[in-house]
N, C-alpha and C. Protein backbone atom coordinates (compact mmCIF):
# COMPACT_ATOMS: atom_id res chain seq x y z
N UNK A 1 -95.48 -57.42 118.11
CA UNK A 1 -94.17 -57.63 117.51
C UNK A 1 -93.28 -56.44 117.85
N UNK A 2 -92.12 -56.71 118.33
CA UNK A 2 -91.08 -55.72 118.54
C UNK A 2 -90.25 -55.73 117.27
N UNK A 3 -89.84 -54.59 116.77
CA UNK A 3 -89.10 -54.53 115.50
C UNK A 3 -87.98 -55.56 115.45
N UNK A 4 -88.09 -56.49 114.52
CA UNK A 4 -87.06 -57.51 114.36
C UNK A 4 -87.30 -58.77 115.17
N UNK A 5 -88.35 -58.80 116.00
CA UNK A 5 -88.62 -59.96 116.84
C UNK A 5 -90.12 -60.25 116.80
N UNK A 6 -90.45 -61.50 117.01
CA UNK A 6 -91.85 -61.90 117.22
C UNK A 6 -91.94 -62.39 118.64
N UNK A 7 -92.85 -61.78 119.40
CA UNK A 7 -93.07 -62.19 120.78
C UNK A 7 -94.24 -63.16 120.77
N UNK A 8 -94.01 -64.37 121.24
CA UNK A 8 -95.03 -65.40 121.24
C UNK A 8 -95.50 -65.65 122.67
N UNK A 9 -96.81 -65.53 122.85
CA UNK A 9 -97.39 -65.84 124.16
C UNK A 9 -98.22 -67.12 124.00
N UNK A 10 -97.98 -68.05 124.88
CA UNK A 10 -98.68 -69.33 124.80
C UNK A 10 -98.93 -69.87 126.19
N UNK A 11 -100.00 -70.64 126.29
CA UNK A 11 -100.31 -71.32 127.55
C UNK A 11 -99.51 -72.61 127.68
N UNK A 12 -98.77 -72.95 126.63
CA UNK A 12 -97.99 -74.19 126.61
C UNK A 12 -96.53 -73.90 126.25
N UNK A 13 -95.81 -73.12 127.07
CA UNK A 13 -94.45 -72.71 126.72
C UNK A 13 -93.45 -73.87 126.65
N UNK A 14 -93.78 -75.01 127.21
CA UNK A 14 -92.86 -76.15 127.18
C UNK A 14 -93.07 -77.04 125.96
N UNK A 15 -94.01 -76.66 125.10
CA UNK A 15 -94.30 -77.47 123.90
C UNK A 15 -93.87 -76.69 122.67
N UNK A 16 -92.68 -76.94 122.15
CA UNK A 16 -92.17 -76.18 121.00
C UNK A 16 -93.06 -76.28 119.76
N UNK A 17 -93.79 -77.39 119.60
CA UNK A 17 -94.65 -77.50 118.43
C UNK A 17 -95.80 -76.49 118.49
N UNK A 18 -96.26 -76.16 119.69
CA UNK A 18 -97.31 -75.14 119.84
C UNK A 18 -96.74 -73.77 119.46
N UNK A 19 -95.57 -73.47 119.95
CA UNK A 19 -94.92 -72.19 119.61
C UNK A 19 -94.67 -72.10 118.11
N UNK A 20 -94.18 -73.18 117.52
CA UNK A 20 -93.91 -73.22 116.08
C UNK A 20 -95.19 -72.95 115.28
N UNK A 21 -96.30 -73.56 115.68
CA UNK A 21 -97.56 -73.37 114.97
C UNK A 21 -98.07 -71.92 115.13
N UNK A 22 -97.88 -71.34 116.29
CA UNK A 22 -98.27 -69.94 116.50
C UNK A 22 -97.47 -69.01 115.58
N UNK A 23 -96.17 -69.27 115.47
CA UNK A 23 -95.32 -68.45 114.60
C UNK A 23 -95.74 -68.65 113.14
N UNK A 24 -95.97 -69.89 112.73
CA UNK A 24 -96.40 -70.17 111.35
C UNK A 24 -97.72 -69.47 111.06
N UNK A 25 -98.65 -69.51 111.99
CA UNK A 25 -99.95 -68.84 111.80
C UNK A 25 -99.76 -67.34 111.64
N UNK A 26 -98.85 -66.78 112.42
CA UNK A 26 -98.59 -65.34 112.30
C UNK A 26 -98.05 -65.02 110.92
N UNK A 27 -97.08 -65.80 110.43
CA UNK A 27 -96.52 -65.57 109.10
C UNK A 27 -97.59 -65.76 108.02
N UNK A 28 -98.44 -66.77 108.16
CA UNK A 28 -99.52 -66.97 107.18
C UNK A 28 -100.44 -65.76 107.13
N UNK A 29 -100.85 -65.30 108.31
CA UNK A 29 -101.73 -64.12 108.36
C UNK A 29 -101.05 -62.90 107.75
N UNK A 30 -99.79 -62.74 108.08
CA UNK A 30 -99.02 -61.60 107.57
C UNK A 30 -98.90 -61.67 106.05
N UNK A 31 -98.69 -62.85 105.51
CA UNK A 31 -98.58 -63.03 104.05
C UNK A 31 -99.87 -62.61 103.36
N UNK A 32 -101.01 -62.95 103.94
CA UNK A 32 -102.30 -62.61 103.33
C UNK A 32 -102.59 -61.10 103.39
N UNK A 33 -101.88 -60.40 104.23
CA UNK A 33 -101.99 -58.93 104.29
C UNK A 33 -100.95 -58.29 103.36
N UNK A 34 -99.70 -58.72 103.49
CA UNK A 34 -98.57 -58.09 102.80
C UNK A 34 -98.57 -58.34 101.30
N UNK A 35 -98.83 -59.58 100.89
CA UNK A 35 -98.73 -59.90 99.47
C UNK A 35 -99.71 -59.09 98.60
N UNK A 36 -101.00 -58.97 98.98
CA UNK A 36 -101.89 -58.12 98.16
C UNK A 36 -101.42 -56.66 98.07
N UNK A 37 -100.87 -56.14 99.18
CA UNK A 37 -100.33 -54.76 99.15
C UNK A 37 -99.20 -54.66 98.13
N UNK A 38 -98.29 -55.63 98.15
CA UNK A 38 -97.13 -55.59 97.25
C UNK A 38 -97.56 -55.83 95.81
N UNK A 39 -98.56 -56.69 95.58
CA UNK A 39 -99.06 -56.91 94.22
C UNK A 39 -99.55 -55.59 93.63
N UNK A 40 -100.32 -54.84 94.41
CA UNK A 40 -100.84 -53.56 93.90
C UNK A 40 -99.71 -52.63 93.52
N UNK A 41 -98.69 -52.56 94.37
CA UNK A 41 -97.55 -51.68 94.07
C UNK A 41 -96.81 -52.18 92.82
N UNK A 42 -96.62 -53.47 92.69
CA UNK A 42 -95.89 -54.02 91.54
C UNK A 42 -96.66 -53.82 90.25
N UNK A 43 -97.97 -53.92 90.30
CA UNK A 43 -98.77 -53.70 89.09
C UNK A 43 -98.54 -52.30 88.51
N UNK A 44 -98.21 -51.36 89.37
CA UNK A 44 -97.94 -49.99 88.93
C UNK A 44 -96.73 -49.86 88.03
N UNK A 45 -95.88 -50.87 87.97
CA UNK A 45 -94.70 -50.83 87.09
C UNK A 45 -95.06 -51.12 85.63
N UNK A 46 -96.22 -51.69 85.42
CA UNK A 46 -96.61 -52.13 84.08
C UNK A 46 -97.39 -51.04 83.36
N UNK A 47 -97.21 -50.94 82.02
CA UNK A 47 -97.89 -49.89 81.26
C UNK A 47 -99.43 -50.01 81.32
N UNK A 48 -99.95 -51.23 81.38
CA UNK A 48 -101.39 -51.46 81.51
C UNK A 48 -101.60 -52.42 82.67
N UNK A 49 -101.63 -51.90 83.89
CA UNK A 49 -101.66 -52.76 85.08
C UNK A 49 -102.78 -53.81 85.07
N UNK A 50 -103.94 -53.43 84.61
CA UNK A 50 -105.07 -54.36 84.64
C UNK A 50 -104.84 -55.58 83.75
N UNK A 51 -104.06 -55.42 82.70
CA UNK A 51 -103.76 -56.54 81.81
C UNK A 51 -102.88 -57.58 82.50
N UNK A 52 -102.21 -57.19 83.59
CA UNK A 52 -101.29 -58.08 84.30
C UNK A 52 -101.83 -58.53 85.65
N UNK A 53 -103.01 -58.06 86.00
CA UNK A 53 -103.59 -58.39 87.31
C UNK A 53 -103.88 -59.89 87.38
N UNK A 54 -103.36 -60.57 88.44
CA UNK A 54 -103.66 -62.00 88.57
C UNK A 54 -105.13 -62.23 88.86
N UNK A 55 -105.61 -63.39 88.45
CA UNK A 55 -107.02 -63.76 88.67
C UNK A 55 -107.26 -64.21 90.11
N UNK A 56 -106.19 -64.51 90.81
CA UNK A 56 -106.32 -64.94 92.19
C UNK A 56 -104.95 -65.06 92.82
N UNK A 57 -104.92 -65.16 94.14
CA UNK A 57 -103.68 -65.31 94.89
C UNK A 57 -103.79 -66.55 95.77
N UNK A 58 -102.78 -67.40 95.68
CA UNK A 58 -102.68 -68.58 96.54
C UNK A 58 -101.39 -68.44 97.33
N UNK A 59 -101.49 -68.59 98.64
CA UNK A 59 -100.30 -68.55 99.51
C UNK A 59 -100.14 -69.96 100.08
N UNK A 60 -98.98 -70.54 99.82
CA UNK A 60 -98.72 -71.91 100.24
C UNK A 60 -97.23 -72.05 100.49
N UNK A 61 -96.87 -72.88 101.44
CA UNK A 61 -95.44 -73.14 101.64
C UNK A 61 -95.01 -74.21 100.65
N UNK A 62 -94.03 -73.85 99.82
CA UNK A 62 -93.50 -74.78 98.83
C UNK A 62 -92.02 -74.99 99.10
N UNK A 63 -91.50 -76.06 98.56
CA UNK A 63 -90.09 -76.39 98.84
C UNK A 63 -89.13 -75.74 97.87
N UNK A 64 -89.52 -75.60 96.61
CA UNK A 64 -88.52 -75.21 95.62
C UNK A 64 -88.76 -73.88 94.94
N UNK A 65 -89.94 -73.33 94.99
CA UNK A 65 -90.21 -72.11 94.24
C UNK A 65 -90.67 -70.99 95.17
N UNK A 66 -90.32 -69.77 94.78
CA UNK A 66 -90.81 -68.61 95.51
C UNK A 66 -92.18 -68.21 95.00
N UNK A 67 -92.44 -68.51 93.72
CA UNK A 67 -93.73 -68.16 93.16
C UNK A 67 -93.93 -68.82 91.82
N UNK A 68 -95.16 -68.77 91.35
CA UNK A 68 -95.47 -69.25 90.00
C UNK A 68 -96.76 -68.59 89.55
N UNK A 69 -96.96 -68.58 88.24
CA UNK A 69 -98.18 -68.04 87.65
C UNK A 69 -98.81 -69.16 86.84
N UNK A 70 -100.02 -69.53 87.19
CA UNK A 70 -100.68 -70.61 86.46
C UNK A 70 -101.15 -70.11 85.10
N UNK A 71 -101.37 -71.01 84.15
CA UNK A 71 -101.91 -70.59 82.85
C UNK A 71 -103.26 -69.87 82.98
N UNK A 72 -103.99 -70.17 84.05
CA UNK A 72 -105.28 -69.50 84.28
C UNK A 72 -105.12 -68.13 84.94
N UNK A 73 -103.87 -67.74 85.24
CA UNK A 73 -103.64 -66.41 85.81
C UNK A 73 -103.68 -66.34 87.31
N UNK A 74 -103.57 -67.47 87.98
CA UNK A 74 -103.52 -67.47 89.45
C UNK A 74 -102.07 -67.40 89.90
N UNK A 75 -101.81 -66.45 90.79
CA UNK A 75 -100.47 -66.24 91.31
C UNK A 75 -100.29 -67.05 92.59
N UNK A 76 -99.28 -67.90 92.61
CA UNK A 76 -98.94 -68.66 93.81
C UNK A 76 -97.67 -68.06 94.38
N UNK A 77 -97.71 -67.72 95.67
CA UNK A 77 -96.52 -67.21 96.35
C UNK A 77 -96.22 -68.10 97.55
N UNK A 78 -94.94 -68.40 97.71
CA UNK A 78 -94.47 -69.20 98.82
C UNK A 78 -94.66 -68.39 100.11
N UNK A 79 -95.28 -69.00 101.09
CA UNK A 79 -95.52 -68.31 102.36
C UNK A 79 -94.22 -67.81 102.99
N UNK A 80 -93.14 -68.55 102.81
CA UNK A 80 -91.86 -68.13 103.38
C UNK A 80 -91.37 -66.80 102.82
N UNK A 81 -91.85 -66.44 101.64
CA UNK A 81 -91.42 -65.19 101.01
C UNK A 81 -91.73 -63.97 101.88
N UNK A 82 -92.72 -64.07 102.73
CA UNK A 82 -93.07 -62.94 103.60
C UNK A 82 -91.92 -62.60 104.55
N UNK A 83 -90.97 -63.51 104.73
CA UNK A 83 -89.82 -63.26 105.60
C UNK A 83 -88.69 -62.54 104.86
N UNK A 84 -88.82 -62.39 103.56
CA UNK A 84 -87.77 -61.77 102.74
C UNK A 84 -87.87 -60.24 102.79
N UNK A 85 -86.79 -59.57 102.39
CA UNK A 85 -86.85 -58.10 102.27
C UNK A 85 -87.91 -57.70 101.24
N UNK A 86 -88.51 -56.55 101.44
CA UNK A 86 -89.61 -56.10 100.59
C UNK A 86 -89.18 -56.01 99.12
N UNK A 87 -87.98 -55.53 98.84
CA UNK A 87 -87.58 -55.42 97.43
C UNK A 87 -87.43 -56.80 96.78
N UNK A 88 -87.12 -57.81 97.58
CA UNK A 88 -87.05 -59.17 97.07
C UNK A 88 -88.45 -59.73 96.82
N UNK A 89 -89.39 -59.43 97.72
CA UNK A 89 -90.79 -59.83 97.51
C UNK A 89 -91.30 -59.22 96.21
N UNK A 90 -91.01 -57.93 96.01
CA UNK A 90 -91.45 -57.24 94.81
C UNK A 90 -90.84 -57.86 93.55
N UNK A 91 -89.58 -58.31 93.65
CA UNK A 91 -88.96 -58.98 92.50
C UNK A 91 -89.74 -60.24 92.14
N UNK A 92 -90.04 -61.08 93.11
CA UNK A 92 -90.75 -62.34 92.82
C UNK A 92 -92.12 -62.04 92.22
N UNK A 93 -92.84 -61.12 92.81
CA UNK A 93 -94.18 -60.78 92.30
C UNK A 93 -94.08 -60.24 90.88
N UNK A 94 -93.16 -59.31 90.63
CA UNK A 94 -93.03 -58.72 89.30
C UNK A 94 -92.61 -59.78 88.30
N UNK A 95 -91.68 -60.65 88.67
CA UNK A 95 -91.27 -61.75 87.81
C UNK A 95 -92.48 -62.58 87.40
N UNK A 96 -93.30 -62.94 88.37
CA UNK A 96 -94.47 -63.77 88.07
C UNK A 96 -95.52 -63.01 87.25
N UNK A 97 -95.69 -61.73 87.51
CA UNK A 97 -96.63 -60.94 86.72
C UNK A 97 -96.20 -60.87 85.25
N UNK A 98 -94.90 -60.85 85.01
CA UNK A 98 -94.41 -60.86 83.62
C UNK A 98 -94.84 -62.12 82.89
N UNK A 99 -95.06 -63.20 83.61
CA UNK A 99 -95.49 -64.45 82.99
C UNK A 99 -96.92 -64.36 82.45
N UNK A 100 -97.69 -63.37 82.83
CA UNK A 100 -99.02 -63.18 82.26
C UNK A 100 -98.88 -62.94 80.76
N UNK A 101 -97.89 -62.13 80.37
CA UNK A 101 -97.67 -61.83 78.95
C UNK A 101 -96.72 -62.81 78.28
N UNK A 102 -95.74 -63.28 79.04
CA UNK A 102 -94.70 -64.16 78.49
C UNK A 102 -94.57 -65.40 79.38
N UNK A 103 -95.22 -66.49 79.00
CA UNK A 103 -95.24 -67.67 79.87
C UNK A 103 -93.88 -68.34 80.08
N UNK A 104 -92.96 -68.18 79.15
CA UNK A 104 -91.67 -68.88 79.25
C UNK A 104 -90.54 -67.88 79.47
N UNK A 105 -89.40 -68.38 79.91
CA UNK A 105 -88.25 -67.53 80.20
C UNK A 105 -87.42 -67.28 78.94
N UNK A 106 -88.05 -66.79 77.91
CA UNK A 106 -87.36 -66.47 76.67
C UNK A 106 -86.91 -65.02 76.67
N UNK A 107 -86.38 -64.60 75.54
CA UNK A 107 -85.84 -63.24 75.40
C UNK A 107 -86.91 -62.18 75.67
N UNK A 108 -88.14 -62.38 75.18
CA UNK A 108 -89.21 -61.40 75.38
C UNK A 108 -89.57 -61.27 76.85
N UNK A 109 -89.52 -62.39 77.58
CA UNK A 109 -89.80 -62.34 79.02
C UNK A 109 -88.79 -61.42 79.70
N UNK A 110 -87.51 -61.63 79.42
CA UNK A 110 -86.49 -60.83 80.10
C UNK A 110 -86.47 -59.38 79.61
N UNK A 111 -86.88 -59.14 78.38
CA UNK A 111 -87.03 -57.75 77.91
C UNK A 111 -88.10 -57.04 78.73
N UNK A 112 -89.22 -57.73 78.95
CA UNK A 112 -90.29 -57.14 79.75
C UNK A 112 -89.85 -56.93 81.20
N UNK A 113 -89.22 -57.92 81.80
CA UNK A 113 -88.75 -57.80 83.18
C UNK A 113 -87.74 -56.66 83.30
N UNK A 114 -86.81 -56.55 82.34
CA UNK A 114 -85.84 -55.45 82.36
C UNK A 114 -86.55 -54.09 82.27
N UNK A 115 -87.61 -54.03 81.49
CA UNK A 115 -88.33 -52.77 81.30
C UNK A 115 -89.08 -52.35 82.57
N UNK A 116 -89.77 -53.30 83.21
CA UNK A 116 -90.59 -52.93 84.36
C UNK A 116 -89.82 -52.94 85.68
N UNK A 117 -88.67 -53.63 85.71
CA UNK A 117 -87.87 -53.67 86.93
C UNK A 117 -86.39 -53.78 86.53
N UNK A 118 -85.78 -52.66 86.16
CA UNK A 118 -84.40 -52.70 85.66
C UNK A 118 -83.38 -53.28 86.64
N UNK A 119 -83.65 -53.21 87.93
CA UNK A 119 -82.69 -53.73 88.93
C UNK A 119 -83.06 -55.11 89.44
N UNK A 120 -83.78 -55.88 88.64
CA UNK A 120 -84.27 -57.19 89.09
C UNK A 120 -83.14 -58.14 89.48
N UNK A 121 -82.01 -58.06 88.81
CA UNK A 121 -80.91 -59.00 89.14
C UNK A 121 -80.37 -58.75 90.56
N UNK A 122 -80.24 -57.48 90.93
CA UNK A 122 -79.80 -57.14 92.29
C UNK A 122 -80.81 -57.64 93.30
N UNK A 123 -82.08 -57.47 93.02
CA UNK A 123 -83.14 -57.92 93.92
C UNK A 123 -83.13 -59.44 94.06
N UNK A 124 -82.92 -60.14 92.95
CA UNK A 124 -82.88 -61.59 92.97
C UNK A 124 -81.70 -62.07 93.83
N UNK A 125 -80.56 -61.43 93.69
CA UNK A 125 -79.39 -61.80 94.50
C UNK A 125 -79.68 -61.55 95.98
N UNK A 126 -80.35 -60.45 96.28
CA UNK A 126 -80.67 -60.15 97.68
C UNK A 126 -81.61 -61.23 98.25
N UNK A 127 -82.57 -61.66 97.46
CA UNK A 127 -83.48 -62.72 97.88
C UNK A 127 -82.69 -63.99 98.18
N UNK A 128 -81.81 -64.35 97.28
CA UNK A 128 -81.02 -65.58 97.46
C UNK A 128 -80.13 -65.52 98.68
N UNK A 129 -79.53 -64.35 98.94
CA UNK A 129 -78.69 -64.19 100.13
C UNK A 129 -79.52 -64.22 101.41
N UNK A 130 -80.63 -63.50 101.39
CA UNK A 130 -81.44 -63.37 102.61
C UNK A 130 -82.12 -64.67 103.00
N UNK A 131 -82.47 -65.47 102.02
CA UNK A 131 -83.28 -66.65 102.30
C UNK A 131 -82.50 -67.96 102.20
N UNK A 132 -81.18 -67.86 102.09
CA UNK A 132 -80.35 -69.08 101.97
C UNK A 132 -80.39 -69.91 103.22
C-alpha cells in the first residue's frame, strides 16, 4: 500500500469483480487487525476497563449501523468502518462500549459517553462527513 492508495495486483486485470474482491479482502483483513488495537486503546478511557471489555468481536458489512453491542456483550463493527478516520473509529467503539453499562440511549448513557469521550460529538460529525 502506498500512503492513501491501495495497489492491487491480479492475474485478471480485465475482471473488475476480481479486483473488487481483492480490495474487500484487504479491508476485511485490515479490520481484524485495526479494530482490536483500537478497542484496547478505547478501553483505557474507562475507569474499570475490564468491566467494559466485549466478550467477542464480530466484523461484518452492514447497511445501516456502524456498530452494535449485543446483550451478551459481543461487539459488532461494520467492516466499512475501517475506512473511516481513526478518531471516528474510536468514537464508534467507545459508544458501543458504553452500552455494556447502559443498554439504551438515555441520560445515563450520554453522561457516561461525555465522561469517557468529551469530544464525541465532533468525532461523530467527522464520521458522518467522511463516510457519507
